[in-house]
C-alpha cells in the first residue's frame, strides 16, 4: 500500500509536466500582439503629434500664413533665431513625420498580398530624414530663410505618399474599412489647404486611423 501510494505520488508531477509546453504557443501569440500594439500606438500618437504641431504653429502665428504646405512645413524651414515656440513646432513636425514613417513601415510589414513593405518603408524613411535635415538646416543657418518649396515640403510629401499607399493596401486586403480610407483622403485635403486647418485635418486623420487602434484580438492574424 505504501509503495503504490509513493508511485502514484511520484507520477503526478510527470503528468503535470506534460502539459507544460502549452505556454510556448502563448509566448508566440504575445509576440505577435506586441507588434500589433505598436501599430495601434503609432496610429494614435502620430496624428496627435501632428495636431500638437498645428496648435503650436497656430499660436506662434505660423498656421494662418498663406502658402503653407500640406503638413505645415514652414516650421522646419524657418530661419535661425526664431521663437522657442516655433522651434518646438518644428520639432513636433519632425516627430510627427517620423511617427508616420514608423507607422508606414509597421503596416507595410503586415501586407500579405502586395509587395509594398520595402518600397514604402524606404520612401517613408527618406521623407522623415529629409524633414529632419531641413529642420536642422533651418535652425543652424545652413539653409537660407527662403527654402524652395520642393525642399521644404518634399520630405513630408514622400512620407504622406508612402502612408497613403500602405493605407490603400490595408483597405484592399480587408483590414481597414472604406470609410476610414475616405476619411484619410478628407484629412489629406484639409492638410493641403493653405488656411491653417492642420489641427482639424489631424483630428480627422486620427478618426480615420481609429480601426488600427483596435485590440489585437479583433485584428486578423498575419502569417
C-alpha atoms as a PDB file:
ATOM      1  CA  UNK A   1       0.000   0.000   0.000  1.00  0.00           C
ATOM      2  CA  UNK A   2       2.761   2.350   0.883  1.00  0.00           C
ATOM      3  CA  UNK A   3       4.736   1.501  -2.252  1.00  0.00           C
ATOM      4  CA  UNK A   4       1.793   2.045  -4.620  1.00  0.00           C
ATOM      5  CA  UNK A   5       0.953   5.296  -2.906  1.00  0.00           C
ATOM      6  CA  UNK A   6       4.503   6.548  -3.390  1.00  0.00           C
ATOM      7  CA  UNK A   7       4.458   5.505  -7.007  1.00  0.00           C
ATOM      8  CA  UNK A   8       1.281   7.397  -7.744  1.00  0.00           C
ATOM      9  CA  UNK A   9       2.528  10.407  -5.881  1.00  0.00           C
ATOM     10  CA  UNK A  10       5.699  10.444  -7.917  1.00  0.00           C
ATOM     11  CA  UNK A  11       3.771  10.062 -11.138  1.00  0.00           C
ATOM     12  CA  UNK A  12       1.580  13.101 -10.585  1.00  0.00           C
ATOM     13  CA  UNK A  13       4.310  15.702 -11.267  1.00  0.00           C
ATOM     14  CA  UNK A  14       5.147  13.899 -14.510  1.00  0.00           C
ATOM     15  CA  UNK A  15       1.613  14.287 -15.804  1.00  0.00           C
ATOM     16  CA  UNK A  16       1.691  17.941 -14.903  1.00  0.00           C
ATOM     17  CA  UNK A  17       4.973  18.338 -16.751  1.00  0.00           C
ATOM     18  CA  UNK A  18       3.440  17.009 -19.961  1.00  0.00           C
ATOM     19  CA  UNK A  19       1.084  19.990 -20.186  1.00  0.00           C
ATOM     20  CA  UNK A  20       3.900  22.483 -19.627  1.00  0.00           C
ATOM     21  CA  UNK A  21       4.783  23.030 -23.354  1.00  0.00           C
ATOM     22  CA  UNK A  22       1.408  24.769 -23.936  1.00  0.00           C
ATOM     23  CA  UNK A  23       2.564  28.196 -22.712  1.00  0.00           C
ATOM     24  CA  UNK A  24       5.132  28.164 -25.530  1.00  0.00           C
ATOM     25  CA  UNK A  25       2.365  28.894 -28.009  1.00  0.00           C
ATOM     26  CA  UNK A  26       1.159  31.655 -25.749  1.00  0.00           C
ATOM     27  CA  UNK A  27       4.512  33.411 -25.871  1.00  0.00           C
ATOM     28  CA  UNK A  28       4.424  33.344 -29.661  1.00  0.00           C
ATOM     29  CA  UNK A  29       0.999  34.956 -29.750  1.00  0.00           C
ATOM     30  CA  UNK A  30       2.115  37.572 -27.240  1.00  0.00           C
ATOM     31  CA  UNK A  31       4.990  38.474 -29.544  1.00  0.00           C
ATOM     32  CA  UNK A  32       2.555  38.992 -32.412  1.00  0.00           C
ATOM     33  CA  UNK A  33       0.341  41.019 -30.107  1.00  0.00           C
ATOM     34  CA  UNK A  34       3.288  43.269 -29.296  1.00  0.00           C
ATOM     35  CA  UNK A  35       3.768  44.038 -32.975  1.00  0.00           C
ATOM     36  CA  UNK A  36       0.078  44.851 -33.425  1.00  0.00           C
ATOM     37  CA  UNK A  37       0.083  47.015 -30.310  1.00  0.00           C
ATOM     38  CA  UNK A  38       2.941  49.022 -31.804  1.00  0.00           C
ATOM     39  CA  UNK A  39       0.779  49.798 -34.824  1.00  0.00           C
ATOM     40  CA  UNK A  40      -2.086  50.774 -32.525  1.00  0.00           C
ATOM     41  CA  UNK A  41       0.108  53.137 -30.509  1.00  0.00           C
ATOM     42  CA  UNK A  42       1.596  54.760 -33.609  1.00  0.00           C
ATOM     43  CA  UNK A  43      -1.857  55.195 -35.186  1.00  0.00           C
ATOM     44  CA  UNK A  44      -2.807  57.182 -32.085  1.00  0.00           C
ATOM     45  CA  UNK A  45       0.429  59.069 -31.396  1.00  0.00           C
ATOM     46  CA  UNK A  46       1.277  60.210 -34.936  1.00  0.00           C
ATOM     47  CA  UNK A  47      -1.937  62.215 -35.558  1.00  0.00           C
ATOM     48  CA  UNK A  48      -1.742  63.666 -32.040  1.00  0.00           C
ATOM     49  CA  UNK A  49       1.794  64.899 -32.701  1.00  0.00           C
ATOM     50  CA  UNK A  50       0.587  66.461 -35.935  1.00  0.00           C
ATOM     51  CA  UNK A  51      -2.290  68.080 -34.045  1.00  0.00           C
ATOM     52  CA  UNK A  52       0.128  69.455 -31.442  1.00  0.00           C
ATOM     53  CA  UNK A  53       2.297  70.908 -34.210  1.00  0.00           C
ATOM     54  CA  UNK A  54      -0.714  72.576 -35.779  1.00  0.00           C
ATOM     55  CA  UNK A  55      -1.721  74.168 -32.490  1.00  0.00           C
ATOM     56  CA  UNK A  56       1.837  75.326 -31.768  1.00  0.00           C
ATOM     57  CA  UNK A  57       2.187  76.772 -35.266  1.00  0.00           C
ATOM     58  CA  UNK A  58      -1.182  78.497 -34.967  1.00  0.00           C
ATOM     59  CA  UNK A  59      -0.322  80.031 -31.591  1.00  0.00           C
ATOM     60  CA  UNK A  60       3.015  81.224 -32.923  1.00  0.00           C
ATOM     61  CA  UNK A  61       1.295  82.912 -35.845  1.00  0.00           C
ATOM     62  CA  UNK A  62       2.538  80.442 -38.466  1.00  0.00           C
ATOM     63  CA  UNK A  63      -0.653  78.493 -39.047  1.00  0.00           C
ATOM     64  CA  UNK A  64      -2.558  81.349 -40.685  1.00  0.00           C
ATOM     65  CA  UNK A  65       0.167  82.349 -43.118  1.00  0.00           C
ATOM     66  CA  UNK A  66      -0.863  81.872 -46.756  1.00  0.00           C
ATOM     67  CA  UNK A  67       1.055  79.359 -48.769  1.00  0.00           C
ATOM     68  CA  UNK A  68       1.654  76.802 -46.020  1.00  0.00           C
ATOM     69  CA  UNK A  69       2.349  73.312 -47.214  1.00  0.00           C
ATOM     70  CA  UNK A  70       0.251  70.242 -46.534  1.00  0.00           C
ATOM     71  CA  UNK A  71       1.811  69.470 -43.169  1.00  0.00           C
ATOM     72  CA  UNK A  72       2.871  72.918 -42.080  1.00  0.00           C
ATOM     73  CA  UNK A  73       6.447  72.596 -43.279  1.00  0.00           C
ATOM     74  CA  UNK A  74       7.200  76.233 -42.599  1.00  0.00           C
ATOM     75  CA  UNK A  75       8.306  75.065 -39.155  1.00  0.00           C
ATOM     76  CA  UNK A  76      11.429  73.209 -40.314  1.00  0.00           C
ATOM     77  CA  UNK A  77      12.316  75.867 -42.915  1.00  0.00           C
ATOM     78  CA  UNK A  78      12.051  78.804 -40.508  1.00  0.00           C
ATOM     79  CA  UNK A  79      15.259  80.808 -40.184  1.00  0.00           C
ATOM     80  CA  UNK A  80      17.604  80.708 -37.227  1.00  0.00           C
ATOM     81  CA  UNK A  81      16.747  82.949 -34.293  1.00  0.00           C
ATOM     82  CA  UNK A  82      13.068  82.014 -34.356  1.00  0.00           C
ATOM     83  CA  UNK A  83      10.946  81.945 -31.227  1.00  0.00           C
ATOM     84  CA  UNK A  84      11.084  78.936 -28.869  1.00  0.00           C
ATOM     85  CA  UNK A  85       7.505  78.090 -29.783  1.00  0.00           C
ATOM     86  CA  UNK A  86       8.415  77.993 -33.467  1.00  0.00           C
ATOM     87  CA  UNK A  87      11.363  75.716 -32.663  1.00  0.00           C
ATOM     88  CA  UNK A  88       9.030  73.457 -30.698  1.00  0.00           C
ATOM     89  CA  UNK A  89       6.553  73.449 -33.586  1.00  0.00           C
ATOM     90  CA  UNK A  90       9.293  72.367 -35.966  1.00  0.00           C
ATOM     91  CA  UNK A  91      10.415  69.628 -33.586  1.00  0.00           C
ATOM     92  CA  UNK A  92       6.838  68.366 -33.282  1.00  0.00           C
ATOM     93  CA  UNK A  93       6.579  68.264 -37.063  1.00  0.00           C
ATOM     94  CA  UNK A  94       9.749  66.184 -37.320  1.00  0.00           C
ATOM     95  CA  UNK A  95       8.482  63.815 -34.616  1.00  0.00           C
ATOM     96  CA  UNK A  96       5.094  63.507 -36.319  1.00  0.00           C
ATOM     97  CA  UNK A  97       6.704  62.736 -39.676  1.00  0.00           C
ATOM     98  CA  UNK A  98       8.950  60.127 -38.044  1.00  0.00           C
ATOM     99  CA  UNK A  99       5.945  58.550 -36.304  1.00  0.00           C
ATOM    100  CA  UNK A 100       4.035  58.365 -39.594  1.00  0.00           C
ATOM    101  CA  UNK A 101       7.100  56.821 -41.236  1.00  0.00           C
ATOM    102  CA  UNK A 102       7.292  54.207 -38.486  1.00  0.00           C
ATOM    103  CA  UNK A 103       3.570  53.523 -38.825  1.00  0.00           C
ATOM    104  CA  UNK A 104       4.025  53.114 -42.572  1.00  0.00           C
ATOM    105  CA  UNK A 105       6.838  50.612 -42.039  1.00  0.00           C
ATOM    106  CA  UNK A 106       4.831  48.619 -39.494  1.00  0.00           C
ATOM    107  CA  UNK A 107       1.717  48.495 -41.667  1.00  0.00           C
ATOM    108  CA  UNK A 108       3.711  47.611 -44.755  1.00  0.00           C
ATOM    109  CA  UNK A 109       5.233  44.651 -42.944  1.00  0.00           C
ATOM    110  CA  UNK A 110       1.717  43.308 -42.331  1.00  0.00           C
ATOM    111  CA  UNK A 111       0.794  43.308 -46.036  1.00  0.00           C
ATOM    112  CA  UNK A 112       0.043  39.778 -47.188  1.00  0.00           C
ATOM    113  CA  UNK A 113      -0.624  40.005 -50.921  1.00  0.00           C
ATOM    114  CA  UNK A 114       1.019  43.175 -52.238  1.00  0.00           C
ATOM    115  CA  UNK A 115       4.809  43.710 -52.000  1.00  0.00           C
ATOM    116  CA  UNK A 116       4.684  47.227 -50.595  1.00  0.00           C
ATOM    117  CA  UNK A 117       6.722  46.731 -47.416  1.00  0.00           C
ATOM    118  CA  UNK A 118      10.209  47.571 -48.693  1.00  0.00           C
ATOM    119  CA  UNK A 119       9.450  50.437 -51.130  1.00  0.00           C
ATOM    120  CA  UNK A 120       7.093  52.220 -48.755  1.00  0.00           C
ATOM    121  CA  UNK A 121       9.472  51.797 -45.830  1.00  0.00           C
ATOM    122  CA  UNK A 122      12.341  53.303 -47.816  1.00  0.00           C
ATOM    123  CA  UNK A 123      10.154  56.113 -49.119  1.00  0.00           C
ATOM    124  CA  UNK A 124       8.804  56.974 -45.679  1.00  0.00           C
ATOM    125  CA  UNK A 125      12.225  56.785 -44.013  1.00  0.00           C
ATOM    126  CA  UNK A 126      13.768  59.047 -46.651  1.00  0.00           C
ATOM    127  CA  UNK A 127      10.923  61.526 -46.231  1.00  0.00           C
ATOM    128  CA  UNK A 128      11.316  61.610 -42.456  1.00  0.00           C
ATOM    129  CA  UNK A 129      15.070  62.019 -42.752  1.00  0.00           C
ATOM    130  CA  UNK A 130      14.694  64.843 -45.259  1.00  0.00           C
ATOM    131  CA  UNK A 131      12.216  66.618 -42.975  1.00  0.00           C
ATOM    132  CA  UNK A 132      14.610  66.394 -40.062  1.00  0.00           C
ATOM    133  CA  UNK A 133      17.530  67.578 -42.173  1.00  0.00           C
ATOM    134  CA  UNK A 134      15.621  70.636 -43.389  1.00  0.00           C
ATOM    135  CA  UNK A 135      14.615  71.499 -39.820  1.00  0.00           C
ATOM    136  CA  UNK A 136      18.178  71.199 -38.531  1.00  0.00           C
ATOM    137  CA  UNK A 137      19.454  73.176 -41.511  1.00  0.00           C
ATOM    138  CA  UNK A 138      16.992  75.954 -40.770  1.00  0.00           C
ATOM    139  CA  UNK A 139      17.958  76.084 -37.093  1.00  0.00           C
ATOM    140  CA  UNK A 140      21.688  76.126 -37.718  1.00  0.00           C
ATOM    141  CA  UNK A 141      21.504  78.587 -40.598  1.00  0.00           C
ATOM    142  CA  UNK A 142      22.911  76.115 -43.105  1.00  0.00           C
ATOM    143  CA  UNK A 143      19.817  76.661 -45.225  1.00  0.00           C
ATOM    144  CA  UNK A 144      18.538  80.084 -46.281  1.00  0.00           C
ATOM    145  CA  UNK A 145      15.332  81.515 -44.887  1.00  0.00           C
ATOM    146  CA  UNK A 146      13.574  81.155 -48.247  1.00  0.00           C
ATOM    147  CA  UNK A 147      13.842  77.431 -48.933  1.00  0.00           C
ATOM    148  CA  UNK A 148      12.432  76.103 -52.233  1.00  0.00           C
ATOM    149  CA  UNK A 149       9.044  74.506 -51.762  1.00  0.00           C
ATOM    150  CA  UNK A 150      10.260  71.192 -53.172  1.00  0.00           C
ATOM    151  CA  UNK A 151      12.930  71.028 -50.464  1.00  0.00           C
ATOM    152  CA  UNK A 152      10.780  72.289 -47.595  1.00  0.00           C
ATOM    153  CA  UNK A 153       7.774  70.113 -48.361  1.00  0.00           C
ATOM    154  CA  UNK A 154       9.324  67.214 -50.244  1.00  0.00           C
ATOM    155  CA  UNK A 155      10.186  65.025 -47.269  1.00  0.00           C
ATOM    156  CA  UNK A 156       6.734  65.244 -45.743  1.00  0.00           C
ATOM    157  CA  UNK A 157       5.036  64.603 -49.075  1.00  0.00           C
ATOM    158  CA  UNK A 158       7.135  61.470 -49.595  1.00  0.00           C
ATOM    159  CA  UNK A 159       6.149  60.142 -46.174  1.00  0.00           C
ATOM    160  CA  UNK A 160       2.496  61.022 -46.822  1.00  0.00           C
ATOM    161  CA  UNK A 161       2.619  59.234 -50.183  1.00  0.00           C
ATOM    162  CA  UNK A 162       4.115  56.117 -48.605  1.00  0.00           C
ATOM    163  CA  UNK A 163       1.451  56.152 -45.894  1.00  0.00           C
ATOM    164  CA  UNK A 164      -1.302  56.561 -48.486  1.00  0.00           C
ATOM    165  CA  UNK A 165      -0.032  53.537 -50.421  1.00  0.00           C
ATOM    166  CA  UNK A 166       0.087  51.413 -47.276  1.00  0.00           C
ATOM    167  CA  UNK A 167      -3.394  52.503 -46.175  1.00  0.00           C
ATOM    168  CA  UNK A 168      -4.752  51.653 -49.622  1.00  0.00           C
ATOM    169  CA  UNK A 169      -3.110  48.236 -49.385  1.00  0.00           C
ATOM    170  CA  UNK A 170      -4.579  47.715 -45.926  1.00  0.00           C
ATOM    171  CA  UNK A 171      -8.024  48.540 -47.303  1.00  0.00           C
ATOM    172  CA  UNK A 172      -7.611  46.251 -50.306  1.00  0.00           C
ATOM    173  CA  UNK A 173      -6.702  43.378 -48.003  1.00  0.00           C
ATOM    174  CA  UNK A 174      -9.848  43.949 -45.959  1.00  0.00           C
ATOM    175  CA  UNK A 175      -8.137  45.123 -42.770  1.00  0.00           C
ATOM    176  CA  UNK A 176      -9.468  48.672 -42.953  1.00  0.00           C
ATOM    177  CA  UNK A 177     -12.979  49.897 -43.865  1.00  0.00           C
ATOM    178  CA  UNK A 178     -13.504  52.024 -46.917  1.00  0.00           C
ATOM    179  CA  UNK A 179     -14.982  54.802 -44.811  1.00  0.00           C
ATOM    180  CA  UNK A 180     -11.672  55.159 -42.968  1.00  0.00           C
ATOM    181  CA  UNK A 181      -9.783  55.391 -46.239  1.00  0.00           C
ATOM    182  CA  UNK A 182     -12.212  58.092 -47.407  1.00  0.00           C
ATOM    183  CA  UNK A 183     -11.725  59.988 -44.138  1.00  0.00           C
ATOM    184  CA  UNK A 184      -7.974  59.799 -44.640  1.00  0.00           C
ATOM    185  CA  UNK A 185      -8.476  61.435 -48.035  1.00  0.00           C
ATOM    186  CA  UNK A 186     -10.548  64.192 -46.429  1.00  0.00           C
ATOM    187  CA  UNK A 187      -7.797  64.705 -43.848  1.00  0.00           C
ATOM    188  CA  UNK A 188      -5.194  64.979 -46.606  1.00  0.00           C
ATOM    189  CA  UNK A 189      -7.330  67.615 -48.329  1.00  0.00           C
ATOM    190  CA  UNK A 190      -7.666  69.632 -45.123  1.00  0.00           C
ATOM    191  CA  UNK A 191      -3.927  69.441 -44.522  1.00  0.00           C
ATOM    192  CA  UNK A 192      -3.208  70.566 -48.067  1.00  0.00           C
ATOM    193  CA  UNK A 193      -5.365  73.686 -47.882  1.00  0.00           C
ATOM    194  CA  UNK A 194      -3.359  76.846 -47.066  1.00  0.00           C
ATOM    195  CA  UNK A 195      -5.857  78.028 -44.451  1.00  0.00           C
ATOM    196  CA  UNK A 196      -4.288  76.771 -41.239  1.00  0.00           C
ATOM    197  CA  UNK A 197      -6.619  73.769 -40.944  1.00  0.00           C
ATOM    198  CA  UNK A 198      -3.883  71.405 -39.802  1.00  0.00           C
ATOM    199  CA  UNK A 199      -5.373  70.739 -36.330  1.00  0.00           C
ATOM    200  CA  UNK A 200      -8.720  69.836 -37.884  1.00  0.00           C
ATOM    201  CA  UNK A 201      -7.041  67.665 -40.512  1.00  0.00           C
ATOM    202  CA  UNK A 202      -5.038  65.885 -37.819  1.00  0.00           C
ATOM    203  CA  UNK A 203      -8.206  65.114 -35.847  1.00  0.00           C
ATOM    204  CA  UNK A 204      -9.927  63.761 -38.963  1.00  0.00           C
ATOM    205  CA  UNK A 205      -6.857  61.622 -39.640  1.00  0.00           C
ATOM    206  CA  UNK A 206      -6.980  60.368 -36.053  1.00  0.00           C
ATOM    207  CA  UNK A 207     -10.564  59.230 -36.629  1.00  0.00           C
ATOM    208  CA  UNK A 208      -9.588  57.645 -39.954  1.00  0.00           C
ATOM    209  CA  UNK A 209      -6.837  55.594 -38.296  1.00  0.00           C
ATOM    210  CA  UNK A 210      -9.084  54.537 -35.408  1.00  0.00           C
ATOM    211  CA  UNK A 211      -9.604  50.976 -36.794  1.00  0.00           C
ATOM    212  CA  UNK A 212      -5.853  50.419 -36.466  1.00  0.00           C
ATOM    213  CA  UNK A 213      -6.048  51.105 -32.726  1.00  0.00           C
ATOM    214  CA  UNK A 214      -8.413  48.206 -32.035  1.00  0.00           C
ATOM    215  CA  UNK A 215      -7.279  45.463 -29.625  1.00  0.00           C
ATOM    216  CA  UNK A 216      -5.114  42.762 -31.150  1.00  0.00           C
ATOM    217  CA  UNK A 217      -7.834  40.137 -30.695  1.00  0.00           C
ATOM    218  CA  UNK A 218     -10.073  41.998 -33.129  1.00  0.00           C
ATOM    219  CA  UNK A 219      -7.461  42.167 -35.880  1.00  0.00           C
ATOM    220  CA  UNK A 220      -6.830  39.312 -38.338  1.00  0.00           C
ATOM    221  CA  UNK A 221      -3.672  37.322 -37.738  1.00  0.00           C
ATOM    222  CA  UNK A 222      -0.813  37.878 -40.145  1.00  0.00           C
ATOM    223  CA  UNK A 223       1.282  34.928 -41.257  1.00  0.00           C
END
